[in-house]
N, C-alpha and C. Protein backbone atom coordinates (compact mmCIF):
# COMPACT_ATOMS: atom_id res chain seq x y z
N MET A 1 0.84 -1.17 0.00
CA MET A 1 0.00 0.00 0.00
C MET A 1 0.89 1.24 0.00
N THR A 2 0.54 2.21 -0.77
CA THR A 2 1.31 3.43 -0.87
C THR A 2 0.63 4.55 -0.08
N TYR A 3 1.42 5.25 0.69
CA TYR A 3 0.92 6.37 1.47
C TYR A 3 1.44 7.67 0.88
N SER A 4 0.71 8.75 1.06
CA SER A 4 1.14 10.04 0.55
C SER A 4 2.39 10.51 1.29
N ILE A 5 3.12 11.37 0.64
CA ILE A 5 4.36 11.88 1.24
C ILE A 5 4.07 12.65 2.52
N SER A 6 2.98 13.40 2.54
CA SER A 6 2.65 14.17 3.75
C SER A 6 2.36 13.23 4.93
N PHE A 7 1.67 12.11 4.66
CA PHE A 7 1.39 11.15 5.73
C PHE A 7 2.68 10.50 6.21
N ARG A 8 3.55 10.14 5.29
CA ARG A 8 4.83 9.54 5.67
C ARG A 8 5.63 10.47 6.56
N ARG A 9 5.69 11.75 6.16
CA ARG A 9 6.44 12.73 6.95
C ARG A 9 5.83 12.91 8.33
N LYS A 10 4.50 12.92 8.40
CA LYS A 10 3.80 13.07 9.68
C LYS A 10 4.14 11.91 10.61
N VAL A 11 4.05 10.68 10.09
CA VAL A 11 4.33 9.50 10.90
C VAL A 11 5.78 9.52 11.39
N LEU A 12 6.70 9.82 10.49
CA LEU A 12 8.11 9.82 10.88
C LEU A 12 8.44 10.95 11.85
N SER A 13 7.78 12.11 11.70
CA SER A 13 8.04 13.21 12.64
C SER A 13 7.50 12.88 14.03
N VAL A 14 6.33 12.25 14.10
CA VAL A 14 5.78 11.85 15.40
C VAL A 14 6.68 10.82 16.05
N ARG A 15 7.18 9.88 15.24
CA ARG A 15 8.08 8.86 15.77
C ARG A 15 9.34 9.49 16.35
N GLU A 16 9.90 10.45 15.64
CA GLU A 16 11.13 11.09 16.09
C GLU A 16 10.89 11.99 17.31
N LYS A 17 9.80 12.77 17.27
CA LYS A 17 9.52 13.73 18.34
C LYS A 17 9.22 13.02 19.66
N GLU A 18 8.48 11.94 19.61
CA GLU A 18 8.06 11.25 20.83
C GLU A 18 8.94 10.05 21.17
N ASN A 19 10.01 9.84 20.40
CA ASN A 19 10.93 8.71 20.62
C ASN A 19 10.19 7.39 20.71
N LEU A 20 9.34 7.13 19.75
CA LEU A 20 8.55 5.90 19.74
C LEU A 20 9.26 4.81 18.95
N SER A 21 8.95 3.58 19.31
CA SER A 21 9.48 2.45 18.54
C SER A 21 8.61 2.24 17.30
N ILE A 22 9.09 1.41 16.41
CA ILE A 22 8.32 1.11 15.20
C ILE A 22 6.98 0.48 15.57
N ALA A 23 6.99 -0.40 16.56
CA ALA A 23 5.75 -1.07 16.97
C ALA A 23 4.74 -0.07 17.53
N GLN A 24 5.19 0.90 18.29
CA GLN A 24 4.28 1.89 18.86
C GLN A 24 3.69 2.79 17.78
N VAL A 25 4.51 3.19 16.82
CA VAL A 25 4.01 4.02 15.73
C VAL A 25 3.03 3.23 14.88
N ALA A 26 3.35 1.97 14.63
CA ALA A 26 2.47 1.13 13.83
C ALA A 26 1.12 0.94 14.52
N LYS A 27 1.15 0.82 15.83
CA LYS A 27 -0.10 0.65 16.57
C LYS A 27 -0.97 1.91 16.47
N SER A 28 -0.34 3.07 16.45
CA SER A 28 -1.08 4.33 16.38
C SER A 28 -1.59 4.66 14.99
N PHE A 29 -0.75 4.41 13.97
CA PHE A 29 -1.07 4.88 12.63
C PHE A 29 -1.39 3.76 11.63
N LEU A 30 -0.72 2.64 11.75
CA LEU A 30 -0.75 1.63 10.70
C LEU A 30 -1.24 0.28 11.22
N ARG A 31 -1.29 -0.68 10.33
CA ARG A 31 -1.77 -2.00 10.72
C ARG A 31 -0.64 -2.92 11.19
N ARG A 32 0.52 -2.83 10.50
CA ARG A 32 1.61 -3.75 10.82
C ARG A 32 2.92 -2.98 11.01
N ASP A 33 3.85 -3.59 11.75
CA ASP A 33 5.17 -2.99 11.96
C ASP A 33 5.92 -2.84 10.64
N SER A 34 5.75 -3.80 9.75
CA SER A 34 6.50 -3.77 8.49
C SER A 34 6.11 -2.56 7.64
N GLN A 35 4.86 -2.11 7.76
CA GLN A 35 4.45 -0.92 7.01
C GLN A 35 5.19 0.31 7.50
N CYS A 36 5.37 0.43 8.79
CA CYS A 36 6.07 1.58 9.35
C CYS A 36 7.55 1.52 8.97
N ASP A 37 8.12 0.35 9.00
CA ASP A 37 9.51 0.19 8.60
C ASP A 37 9.69 0.56 7.14
N ALA A 38 8.72 0.20 6.30
CA ALA A 38 8.78 0.55 4.88
C ALA A 38 8.66 2.05 4.69
N LEU A 39 7.87 2.72 5.51
CA LEU A 39 7.76 4.18 5.43
C LEU A 39 9.10 4.83 5.71
N ASP A 40 9.80 4.29 6.69
CA ASP A 40 11.10 4.84 7.06
C ASP A 40 12.11 4.65 5.94
N GLN A 41 12.11 3.50 5.31
CA GLN A 41 13.07 3.21 4.25
C GLN A 41 12.75 3.98 2.98
N ASN A 42 11.48 4.16 2.69
CA ASN A 42 11.07 4.80 1.44
C ASN A 42 10.41 6.15 1.71
N SER A 43 11.03 6.98 2.52
CA SER A 43 10.39 8.24 2.87
C SER A 43 10.36 9.23 1.70
N ARG A 44 11.26 9.05 0.73
CA ARG A 44 11.25 9.90 -0.46
C ARG A 44 10.92 9.04 -1.68
N PRO A 45 10.04 9.52 -2.54
CA PRO A 45 9.70 8.73 -3.72
C PRO A 45 10.87 8.66 -4.70
N ARG A 46 10.93 7.59 -5.44
CA ARG A 46 11.98 7.43 -6.44
C ARG A 46 11.69 8.32 -7.64
N THR A 47 12.71 8.98 -8.12
CA THR A 47 12.53 9.86 -9.28
C THR A 47 13.24 9.32 -10.51
N THR A 48 14.06 8.31 -10.34
CA THR A 48 14.77 7.73 -11.48
C THR A 48 14.50 6.24 -11.55
N ARG A 49 14.75 5.72 -12.71
CA ARG A 49 14.57 4.29 -12.93
C ARG A 49 15.91 3.74 -13.39
N ASN A 50 16.43 2.76 -12.70
CA ASN A 50 17.74 2.20 -13.01
C ASN A 50 17.62 0.97 -13.89
N LYS A 51 16.71 1.01 -14.83
CA LYS A 51 16.52 -0.12 -15.72
C LYS A 51 16.32 0.41 -17.13
N PRO A 52 17.13 -0.03 -18.07
CA PRO A 52 16.96 0.46 -19.44
C PRO A 52 15.73 -0.16 -20.09
N SER A 53 15.21 0.51 -21.10
CA SER A 53 14.10 -0.07 -21.84
C SER A 53 14.63 -1.29 -22.59
N THR A 54 13.87 -2.34 -22.61
CA THR A 54 14.37 -3.59 -23.18
C THR A 54 13.78 -3.90 -24.54
N LYS A 55 12.70 -3.28 -24.91
CA LYS A 55 12.03 -3.63 -26.15
C LYS A 55 12.50 -2.82 -27.35
N ILE A 56 12.84 -1.57 -27.16
CA ILE A 56 13.09 -0.67 -28.28
C ILE A 56 14.49 -0.08 -28.17
N ASP A 57 15.18 -0.05 -29.29
CA ASP A 57 16.46 0.65 -29.36
C ASP A 57 16.15 2.15 -29.41
N MET A 58 16.74 2.92 -28.51
CA MET A 58 16.43 4.35 -28.41
C MET A 58 16.83 5.11 -29.67
N GLY A 59 17.87 4.68 -30.36
CA GLY A 59 18.27 5.33 -31.60
C GLY A 59 17.22 5.16 -32.68
N ILE A 60 16.67 3.96 -32.79
CA ILE A 60 15.60 3.70 -33.76
C ILE A 60 14.35 4.50 -33.41
N LEU A 61 14.04 4.58 -32.12
CA LEU A 61 12.88 5.36 -31.69
C LEU A 61 13.06 6.84 -32.02
N ALA A 62 14.25 7.37 -31.77
CA ALA A 62 14.52 8.79 -32.07
C ALA A 62 14.39 9.05 -33.56
N GLN A 63 14.88 8.13 -34.37
CA GLN A 63 14.77 8.29 -35.82
C GLN A 63 13.31 8.23 -36.26
N ASP A 64 12.53 7.34 -35.66
CA ASP A 64 11.11 7.23 -36.01
C ASP A 64 10.36 8.50 -35.63
N VAL A 65 10.68 9.07 -34.48
CA VAL A 65 10.04 10.32 -34.06
C VAL A 65 10.40 11.45 -35.02
N LYS A 66 11.66 11.46 -35.46
CA LYS A 66 12.09 12.49 -36.41
C LYS A 66 11.39 12.32 -37.76
N ASN A 67 11.24 11.08 -38.23
CA ASN A 67 10.61 10.82 -39.53
C ASN A 67 9.09 10.98 -39.49
N HIS A 68 8.48 10.63 -38.36
CA HIS A 68 7.02 10.67 -38.23
C HIS A 68 6.64 11.43 -36.95
N PRO A 69 6.79 12.74 -36.92
CA PRO A 69 6.57 13.49 -35.68
C PRO A 69 5.13 13.51 -35.20
N HIS A 70 4.16 13.29 -36.09
CA HIS A 70 2.76 13.36 -35.69
C HIS A 70 2.12 11.99 -35.52
N ALA A 71 2.93 10.94 -35.52
CA ALA A 71 2.39 9.58 -35.38
C ALA A 71 1.87 9.37 -33.96
N HIS A 72 0.80 8.60 -33.86
CA HIS A 72 0.26 8.24 -32.55
C HIS A 72 1.09 7.12 -31.94
N GLN A 73 0.93 6.92 -30.65
CA GLN A 73 1.71 5.90 -29.96
C GLN A 73 1.43 4.51 -30.52
N TYR A 74 0.18 4.19 -30.80
CA TYR A 74 -0.15 2.86 -31.31
C TYR A 74 0.43 2.64 -32.70
N GLU A 75 0.51 3.71 -33.51
CA GLU A 75 1.11 3.59 -34.84
C GLU A 75 2.62 3.35 -34.72
N ARG A 76 3.25 4.08 -33.82
CA ARG A 76 4.69 3.91 -33.61
C ARG A 76 4.99 2.52 -33.07
N ALA A 77 4.17 2.03 -32.17
CA ALA A 77 4.38 0.69 -31.61
C ALA A 77 4.25 -0.36 -32.70
N LYS A 78 3.28 -0.20 -33.58
CA LYS A 78 3.09 -1.16 -34.67
C LYS A 78 4.29 -1.15 -35.60
N GLN A 79 4.81 0.03 -35.92
CA GLN A 79 5.98 0.15 -36.79
C GLN A 79 7.22 -0.48 -36.17
N LEU A 80 7.38 -0.34 -34.87
CA LEU A 80 8.57 -0.85 -34.19
C LEU A 80 8.40 -2.30 -33.72
N GLY A 81 7.21 -2.85 -33.91
CA GLY A 81 6.98 -4.26 -33.57
C GLY A 81 6.82 -4.54 -32.09
N VAL A 82 6.25 -3.60 -31.36
CA VAL A 82 5.99 -3.80 -29.93
C VAL A 82 4.52 -3.47 -29.65
N SER A 83 4.07 -3.83 -28.47
CA SER A 83 2.69 -3.50 -28.10
C SER A 83 2.67 -2.22 -27.27
N THR A 84 1.49 -1.61 -27.17
CA THR A 84 1.38 -0.37 -26.39
C THR A 84 1.12 -0.67 -24.95
């Protein structure tokens, strides 16, 4: 389950201010201890992806965009042999 950033910050600030354990915070705010631990580990959302695209060569895609700038996504996918 994903919680909003404001909720995560609130939970973590209460934990820090009142010197509570993970179990105590989980009892107050969440259902399980593991959820609170996950909030602590993932307090900031990821902004990058460390995985390259595997289906399409980016050079071929750039060339297709240059050649067909007004093509729709489904048309481009059909030309490149992938699904949308």
